[in-house]
């Protein structure tokens, strides 16, 4: 996953956790606006989430943040 997407994902996770608490879940769609203005980036996130890590549709934001921070 490219560095800009990693930074955005961590920021989104931090924001969701701050607003809704440690137990909040999210999907990779949370990293994007409601319109598909960058399909390559969306597919990169989807591949990381689905193919590389076989994550469920919704996962805890804390788990995703730690995975990304650890370089996974």
PDB file of N, CA and C in Angstrom:
ATOM      1  N   UNK A   1       0.848  -1.173   0.000  1.00  0.00           N
ATOM      2  CA  UNK A   1       0.000   0.000   0.000  1.00  0.00           C
ATOM      3  C   UNK A   1       0.895   1.239   0.000  1.00  0.00           C
ATOM      4  N   UNK A   2       0.618   2.153  -0.899  1.00  0.00           N
ATOM      5  CA  UNK A   2       1.463   3.359  -1.003  1.00  0.00           C
ATOM      6  C   UNK A   2       1.377   4.227   0.256  1.00  0.00           C
ATOM      7  N   UNK A   3       2.406   4.996   0.492  1.00  0.00           N
ATOM      8  CA  UNK A   3       2.513   5.795   1.716  1.00  0.00           C
ATOM      9  C   UNK A   3       1.370   6.774   1.891  1.00  0.00           C
ATOM     10  N   UNK A   4       0.912   7.397   0.818  1.00  0.00           N
ATOM     11  CA  UNK A   4      -0.186   8.359   0.956  1.00  0.00           C
ATOM     12  C   UNK A   4      -1.465   7.674   1.425  1.00  0.00           C
ATOM     13  N   UNK A   5      -1.720   6.473   0.936  1.00  0.00           N
ATOM     14  CA  UNK A   5      -2.903   5.731   1.367  1.00  0.00           C
ATOM     15  C   UNK A   5      -2.746   5.273   2.808  1.00  0.00           C
ATOM     16  N   UNK A   6      -1.566   4.847   3.177  1.00  0.00           N
ATOM     17  CA  UNK A   6      -1.307   4.451   4.571  1.00  0.00           C
ATOM     18  C   UNK A   6      -1.578   5.622   5.518  1.00  0.00           C
ATOM     19  N   UNK A   7      -1.063   6.799   5.174  1.00  0.00           N
ATOM     20  CA  UNK A   7      -1.256   7.983   6.015  1.00  0.00           C
ATOM     21  C   UNK A   7      -2.730   8.345   6.120  1.00  0.00           C
ATOM     22  N   UNK A   8      -3.438   8.301   5.001  1.00  0.00           N
ATOM     23  CA  UNK A   8      -4.869   8.611   5.002  1.00  0.00           C
ATOM     24  C   UNK A   8      -5.633   7.594   5.844  1.00  0.00           C
ATOM     25  N   UNK A   9      -5.322   6.317   5.707  1.00  0.00           N
ATOM     26  CA  UNK A   9      -6.017   5.270   6.458  1.00  0.00           C
ATOM     27  C   UNK A   9      -5.791   5.436   7.962  1.00  0.00           C
ATOM     28  N   UNK A  10      -4.574   5.723   8.362  1.00  0.00           N
ATOM     29  CA  UNK A  10      -4.285   5.935   9.781  1.00  0.00           C
ATOM     30  C   UNK A  10      -5.051   7.137  10.294  1.00  0.00           C
ATOM     31  N   UNK A  11      -5.089   8.210   9.512  1.00  0.00           N
ATOM     32  CA  UNK A  11      -5.824   9.409   9.897  1.00  0.00           C
ATOM     33  C   UNK A  11      -7.320   9.122  10.064  1.00  0.00           C
ATOM     34  N   UNK A  12      -7.892   8.368   9.132  1.00  0.00           N
ATOM     35  CA  UNK A  12      -9.310   8.003   9.215  1.00  0.00           C
ATOM     36  C   UNK A  12      -9.557   7.144  10.449  1.00  0.00           C
ATOM     37  N   UNK A  13      -8.693   6.179  10.697  1.00  0.00           N
ATOM     38  CA  UNK A  13      -8.831   5.331  11.885  1.00  0.00           C
ATOM     39  C   UNK A  13      -8.754   6.175  13.162  1.00  0.00           C
ATOM     40  N   UNK A  14      -7.778   7.057  13.233  1.00  0.00           N
ATOM     41  CA  UNK A  14      -7.641   7.926  14.405  1.00  0.00           C
ATOM     42  C   UNK A  14      -8.900   8.751  14.623  1.00  0.00           C
ATOM     43  N   UNK A  15      -9.438   9.317  13.543  1.00  0.00           N
ATOM     44  CA  UNK A  15     -10.635  10.142  13.631  1.00  0.00           C
ATOM     45  C   UNK A  15     -11.836   9.331  14.107  1.00  0.00           C
ATOM     46  N   UNK A  16     -12.037   8.156  13.530  1.00  0.00           N
ATOM     47  CA  UNK A  16     -13.165   7.300  13.920  1.00  0.00           C
ATOM     48  C   UNK A  16     -13.053   6.874  15.379  1.00  0.00           C
ATOM     49  N   UNK A  17     -11.845   6.504  15.804  1.00  0.00           N
ATOM     50  CA  UNK A  17     -11.629   6.081  17.189  1.00  0.00           C
ATOM     51  C   UNK A  17     -11.896   7.245  18.141  1.00  0.00           C
ATOM     52  N   UNK A  18     -11.418   8.436  17.796  1.00  0.00           N
ATOM     53  CA  UNK A  18     -11.629   9.617  18.641  1.00  0.00           C
ATOM     54  C   UNK A  18     -13.114   9.950  18.771  1.00  0.00           C
ATOM     55  N   UNK A  19     -13.870   9.780  17.702  1.00  0.00           N
ATOM     56  CA  UNK A  19     -15.290  10.138  17.700  1.00  0.00           C
ATOM     57  C   UNK A  19     -16.188   9.066  18.299  1.00  0.00           C
ATOM     58  N   UNK A  20     -15.836   7.784  18.084  1.00  0.00           N
ATOM     59  CA  UNK A  20     -16.761   6.704  18.446  1.00  0.00           C
ATOM     60  C   UNK A  20     -16.188   5.684  19.419  1.00  0.00           C
ATOM     61  N   UNK A  21     -14.939   5.826  19.792  1.00  0.00           N
ATOM     62  CA  UNK A  21     -14.359   4.934  20.781  1.00  0.00           C
ATOM     63  C   UNK A  21     -13.564   3.793  20.185  1.00  0.00           C
ATOM     64  N   UNK A  22     -12.871   3.080  21.057  1.00  0.00           N
ATOM     65  CA  UNK A  22     -11.952   1.998  20.679  1.00  0.00           C
ATOM     66  C   UNK A  22     -12.624   0.836  19.948  1.00  0.00           C
ATOM     67  N   UNK A  23     -13.909   0.651  20.135  1.00  0.00           N
ATOM     68  CA  UNK A  23     -14.595  -0.491  19.540  1.00  0.00           C
ATOM     69  C   UNK A  23     -15.164  -0.243  18.157  1.00  0.00           C
ATOM     70  N   UNK A  24     -14.940   0.933  17.600  1.00  0.00           N
ATOM     71  CA  UNK A  24     -15.541   1.265  16.308  1.00  0.00           C
ATOM     72  C   UNK A  24     -14.957   0.421  15.191  1.00  0.00           C
ATOM     73  N   UNK A  25     -15.833  -0.001  14.301  1.00  0.00           N
ATOM     74  CA  UNK A  25     -15.409  -0.760  13.136  1.00  0.00           C
ATOM     75  C   UNK A  25     -15.499   0.085  11.882  1.00  0.00           C
ATOM     76  N   UNK A  26     -14.808  -0.363  10.856  1.00  0.00           N
ATOM     77  CA  UNK A  26     -14.875   0.322   9.570  1.00  0.00           C
ATOM     78  C   UNK A  26     -14.509  -0.629   8.459  1.00  0.00           C
ATOM     79  N   UNK A  27     -14.795  -0.212   7.236  1.00  0.00           N
ATOM     80  CA  UNK A  27     -14.378  -0.956   6.052  1.00  0.00           C
ATOM     81  C   UNK A  27     -13.399  -0.088   5.282  1.00  0.00           C
ATOM     82  N   UNK A  28     -12.768  -0.653   4.268  1.00  0.00           N
ATOM     83  CA  UNK A  28     -11.805   0.139   3.505  1.00  0.00           C
ATOM     84  C   UNK A  28     -12.476   1.282   2.757  1.00  0.00           C
ATOM     85  N   UNK A  29     -13.785   1.210   2.567  1.00  0.00           N
ATOM     86  CA  UNK A  29     -14.504   2.309   1.926  1.00  0.00           C
ATOM     87  C   UNK A  29     -14.434   3.591   2.754  1.00  0.00           C
ATOM     88  N   UNK A  30     -14.189   3.466   4.045  1.00  0.00           N
ATOM     89  CA  UNK A  30     -14.096   4.644   4.913  1.00  0.00           C
ATOM     90  C   UNK A  30     -12.935   5.552   4.527  1.00  0.00           C
ATOM     91  N   UNK A  31     -11.981   5.037   3.787  1.00  0.00           N
ATOM     92  CA  UNK A  31     -10.807   5.814   3.398  1.00  0.00           C
ATOM     93  C   UNK A  31     -11.067   6.689   2.168  1.00  0.00           C
ATOM     94  N   UNK A  32     -12.286   6.634   1.611  1.00  0.00           N
ATOM     95  CA  UNK A  32     -12.597   7.310   0.364  1.00  0.00           C
ATOM     96  C   UNK A  32     -13.880   8.119   0.479  1.00  0.00           C
ATOM     97  N   UNK A  33     -14.009   9.112  -0.401  1.00  0.00           N
ATOM     98  CA  UNK A  33     -15.244   9.892  -0.506  1.00  0.00           C
ATOM     99  C   UNK A  33     -16.332   9.001  -1.109  1.00  0.00           C
ATOM    100  N   UNK A  34     -17.547   9.467  -1.092  1.00  0.00           N
ATOM    101  CA  UNK A  34     -18.654   8.685  -1.620  1.00  0.00           C
ATOM    102  C   UNK A  34     -18.629   8.540  -3.139  1.00  0.00           C
ATOM    103  N   UNK A  35     -17.750   9.273  -3.803  1.00  0.00           N
ATOM    104  CA  UNK A  35     -17.626   9.105  -5.246  1.00  0.00           C
ATOM    105  C   UNK A  35     -16.291   8.429  -5.558  1.00  0.00           C
ATOM    106  N   UNK A  36     -16.269   7.697  -6.617  1.00  0.00           N
ATOM    107  CA  UNK A  36     -15.080   6.940  -6.993  1.00  0.00           C
ATOM    108  C   UNK A  36     -14.207   7.793  -7.912  1.00  0.00           C
ATOM    109  N   UNK A  37     -13.429   8.698  -7.317  1.00  0.00           N
ATOM    110  CA  UNK A  37     -12.616   9.604  -8.123  1.00  0.00           C
ATOM    111  C   UNK A  37     -11.191   9.090  -8.340  1.00  0.00           C
ATOM    112  N   UNK A  38     -10.824   7.980  -7.704  1.00  0.00           N
ATOM    113  CA  UNK A  38      -9.503   7.389  -7.909  1.00  0.00           C
ATOM    114  C   UNK A  38      -9.622   5.866  -7.845  1.00  0.00           C
ATOM    115  N   UNK A  39     -10.100   5.241  -8.927  1.00  0.00           N
ATOM    116  CA  UNK A  39     -10.351   3.800  -8.903  1.00  0.00           C
ATOM    117  C   UNK A  39      -9.095   2.966  -8.641  1.00  0.00           C
ATOM    118  N   UNK A  40      -7.929   3.423  -9.086  1.00  0.00           N
ATOM    119  CA  UNK A  40      -6.702   2.660  -8.839  1.00  0.00           C
ATOM    120  C   UNK A  40      -6.372   2.609  -7.354  1.00  0.00           C
ATOM    121  N   UNK A  41      -6.552   3.734  -6.672  1.00  0.00           N
ATOM    122  CA  UNK A  41      -6.289   3.781  -5.236  1.00  0.00           C
ATOM    123  C   UNK A  41      -7.306   2.933  -4.467  1.00  0.00           C
ATOM    124  N   UNK A  42      -8.559   2.999  -4.888  1.00  0.00           N
ATOM    125  CA  UNK A  42      -9.604   2.183  -4.265  1.00  0.00           C
ATOM    126  C   UNK A  42      -9.279   0.697  -4.424  1.00  0.00           C
ATOM    127  N   UNK A  43      -8.849   0.292  -5.609  1.00  0.00           N
ATOM    128  CA  UNK A  43      -8.508  -1.106  -5.836  1.00  0.00           C
ATOM    129  C   UNK A  43      -7.278  -1.518  -5.038  1.00  0.00           C
ATOM    130  N   UNK A  44      -6.345  -0.599  -4.858  1.00  0.00           N
ATOM    131  CA  UNK A  44      -5.164  -0.892  -4.035  1.00  0.00           C
ATOM    132  C   UNK A  44      -5.577  -1.174  -2.593  1.00  0.00           C
ATOM    133  N   UNK A  45      -6.479  -0.355  -2.063  1.00  0.00           N
ATOM    134  CA  UNK A  45      -6.975  -0.567  -0.697  1.00  0.00           C
ATOM    135  C   UNK A  45      -7.756  -1.870  -0.605  1.00  0.00           C
ATOM    136  N   UNK A  46      -8.588  -2.134  -1.603  1.00  0.00           N
ATOM    137  CA  UNK A  46      -9.382  -3.363  -1.607  1.00  0.00           C
ATOM    138  C   UNK A  46      -8.482  -4.594  -1.653  1.00  0.00           C
ATOM    139  N   UNK A  47      -7.449  -4.557  -2.479  1.00  0.00           N
ATOM    140  CA  UNK A  47      -6.535  -5.703  -2.572  1.00  0.00           C
ATOM    141  C   UNK A  47      -5.814  -5.932  -1.244  1.00  0.00           C
ATOM    142  N   UNK A  48      -5.347  -4.851  -0.616  1.00  0.00           N
ATOM    143  CA  UNK A  48      -4.674  -4.963   0.681  1.00  0.00           C
ATOM    144  C   UNK A  48      -5.618  -5.576   1.701  1.00  0.00           C
ATOM    145  N   UNK A  49      -6.863  -5.112   1.717  1.00  0.00           N
ATOM    146  CA  UNK A  49      -7.854  -5.529   2.710  1.00  0.00           C
ATOM    147  C   UNK A  49      -8.331  -6.954   2.447  1.00  0.00           C
ATOM    148  N   UNK A  50      -8.713  -7.244   1.207  1.00  0.00           N
ATOM    149  CA  UNK A  50      -9.387  -8.504   0.882  1.00  0.00           C
ATOM    150  C   UNK A  50      -8.408  -9.610   0.491  1.00  0.00           C
ATOM    151  N   UNK A  51      -7.553  -9.344  -0.492  1.00  0.00           N
ATOM    152  CA  UNK A  51      -6.678 -10.395  -1.001  1.00  0.00           C
ATOM    153  C   UNK A  51      -5.464 -10.641  -0.112  1.00  0.00           C
ATOM    154  N   UNK A  52      -4.813  -9.576   0.309  1.00  0.00           N
ATOM    155  CA  UNK A  52      -3.572  -9.731   1.073  1.00  0.00           C
ATOM    156  C   UNK A  52      -3.832 -10.214   2.492  1.00  0.00           C
ATOM    157  N   UNK A  53      -4.845  -9.617   3.155  1.00  0.00           N
ATOM    158  CA  UNK A  53      -5.055  -9.923   4.571  1.00  0.00           C
ATOM    159  C   UNK A  53      -6.341 -10.686   4.879  1.00  0.00           C
ATOM    160  N   UNK A  54      -7.182 -10.934   3.885  1.00  0.00           N
ATOM    161  CA  UNK A  54      -8.433 -11.685   4.050  1.00  0.00           C
ATOM    162  C   UNK A  54      -9.245 -11.183   5.242  1.00  0.00           C
ATOM    163  N   UNK A  55      -9.377  -9.854   5.324  1.00  0.00           N
ATOM    164  CA  UNK A  55     -10.126  -9.250   6.425  1.00  0.00           C
ATOM    165  C   UNK A  55     -11.620  -9.305   6.145  1.00  0.00           C
ATOM    166  N   UNK A  56     -12.410  -9.281   7.215  1.00  0.00           N
ATOM    167  CA  UNK A  56     -13.855  -9.198   7.074  1.00  0.00           C
ATOM    168  C   UNK A  56     -14.226  -7.824   6.535  1.00  0.00           C
ATOM    169  N   UNK A  57     -15.479  -7.690   6.110  1.00  0.00           N
ATOM    170  CA  UNK A  57     -15.914  -6.407   5.552  1.00  0.00           C
ATOM    171  C   UNK A  57     -15.717  -5.276   6.569  1.00  0.00           C
ATOM    172  N   UNK A  58     -16.108  -5.504   7.815  1.00  0.00           N
ATOM    173  CA  UNK A  58     -15.883  -4.526   8.881  1.00  0.00           C
ATOM    174  C   UNK A  58     -14.863  -5.090   9.861  1.00  0.00           C
ATOM    175  N   UNK A  59     -13.905  -4.264  10.208  1.00  0.00           N
ATOM    176  CA  UNK A  59     -12.883  -4.619  11.199  1.00  0.00           C
ATOM    177  C   UNK A  59     -12.726  -3.464  12.172  1.00  0.00           C
ATOM    178  N   UNK A  60     -12.196  -3.750  13.333  1.00  0.00           N
ATOM    179  CA  UNK A  60     -11.946  -2.697  14.322  1.00  0.00           C
ATOM    180  C   UNK A  60     -10.910  -1.724  13.773  1.00  0.00           C
ATOM    181  N   UNK A  61     -11.196  -0.446  13.935  1.00  0.00           N
ATOM    182  CA  UNK A  61     -10.273   0.593  13.462  1.00  0.00           C
ATOM    183  C   UNK A  61      -8.922   0.479  14.157  1.00  0.00           C
ATOM    184  N   UNK A  62      -8.924   0.070  15.427  1.00  0.00           N
ATOM    185  CA  UNK A  62      -7.655  -0.076  16.147  1.00  0.00           C
ATOM    186  C   UNK A  62      -6.795  -1.166  15.519  1.00  0.00           C
ATOM    187  N   UNK A  63      -7.418  -2.257  15.079  1.00  0.00           N
ATOM    188  CA  UNK A  63      -6.696  -3.356  14.437  1.00  0.00           C
ATOM    189  C   UNK A  63      -6.084  -2.898  13.120  1.00  0.00           C
ATOM    190  N   UNK A  64      -6.879  -2.209  12.300  1.00  0.00           N
ATOM    191  CA  UNK A  64      -6.393  -1.740  11.000  1.00  0.00           C
ATOM    192  C   UNK A  64      -5.258  -0.746  11.187  1.00  0.00           C
ATOM    193  N   UNK A  65      -5.426   0.184  12.113  1.00  0.00           N
ATOM    194  CA  UNK A  65      -4.381   1.186  12.369  1.00  0.00           C
ATOM    195  C   UNK A  65      -3.077   0.522  12.768  1.00  0.00           C
ATOM    196  N   UNK A  66      -3.129  -0.459  13.637  1.00  0.00           N
ATOM    197  CA  UNK A  66      -1.911  -1.135  14.085  1.00  0.00           C
ATOM    198  C   UNK A  66      -1.297  -1.971  12.964  1.00  0.00           C
ATOM    199  N   UNK A  67      -2.119  -2.594  12.145  1.00  0.00           N
ATOM    200  CA  UNK A  67      -1.592  -3.342  11.006  1.00  0.00           C
ATOM    201  C   UNK A  67      -0.818  -2.423  10.064  1.00  0.00           C
ATOM    202  N   UNK A  68      -1.395  -1.284   9.771  1.00  0.00           N
ATOM    203  CA  UNK A  68      -0.758  -0.344   8.849  1.00  0.00           C
ATOM    204  C   UNK A  68       0.512   0.234   9.469  1.00  0.00           C
ATOM    205  N   UNK A  69       0.442   0.602  10.730  1.00  0.00           N
ATOM    206  CA  UNK A  69       1.623   1.153  11.407  1.00  0.00           C
ATOM    207  C   UNK A  69       2.770   0.151  11.444  1.00  0.00           C
ATOM    208  N   UNK A  70       2.442  -1.134  11.548  1.00  0.00           N
ATOM    209  CA  UNK A  70       3.485  -2.157  11.626  1.00  0.00           C
ATOM    210  C   UNK A  70       4.049  -2.535  10.258  1.00  0.00           C
ATOM    211  N   UNK A  71       3.504  -1.930   9.211  1.00  0.00           N
ATOM    212  CA  UNK A  71       4.030  -2.182   7.869  1.00  0.00           C
ATOM    213  C   UNK A  71       3.393  -3.332   7.128  1.00  0.00           C
ATOM    214  N   UNK A  72       2.323  -3.847   7.649  1.00  0.00           N
ATOM    215  CA  UNK A  72       1.654  -4.975   6.966  1.00  0.00           C
ATOM    216  C   UNK A  72       0.949  -4.515   5.721  1.00  0.00           C
TER     217      UNK A  72
END
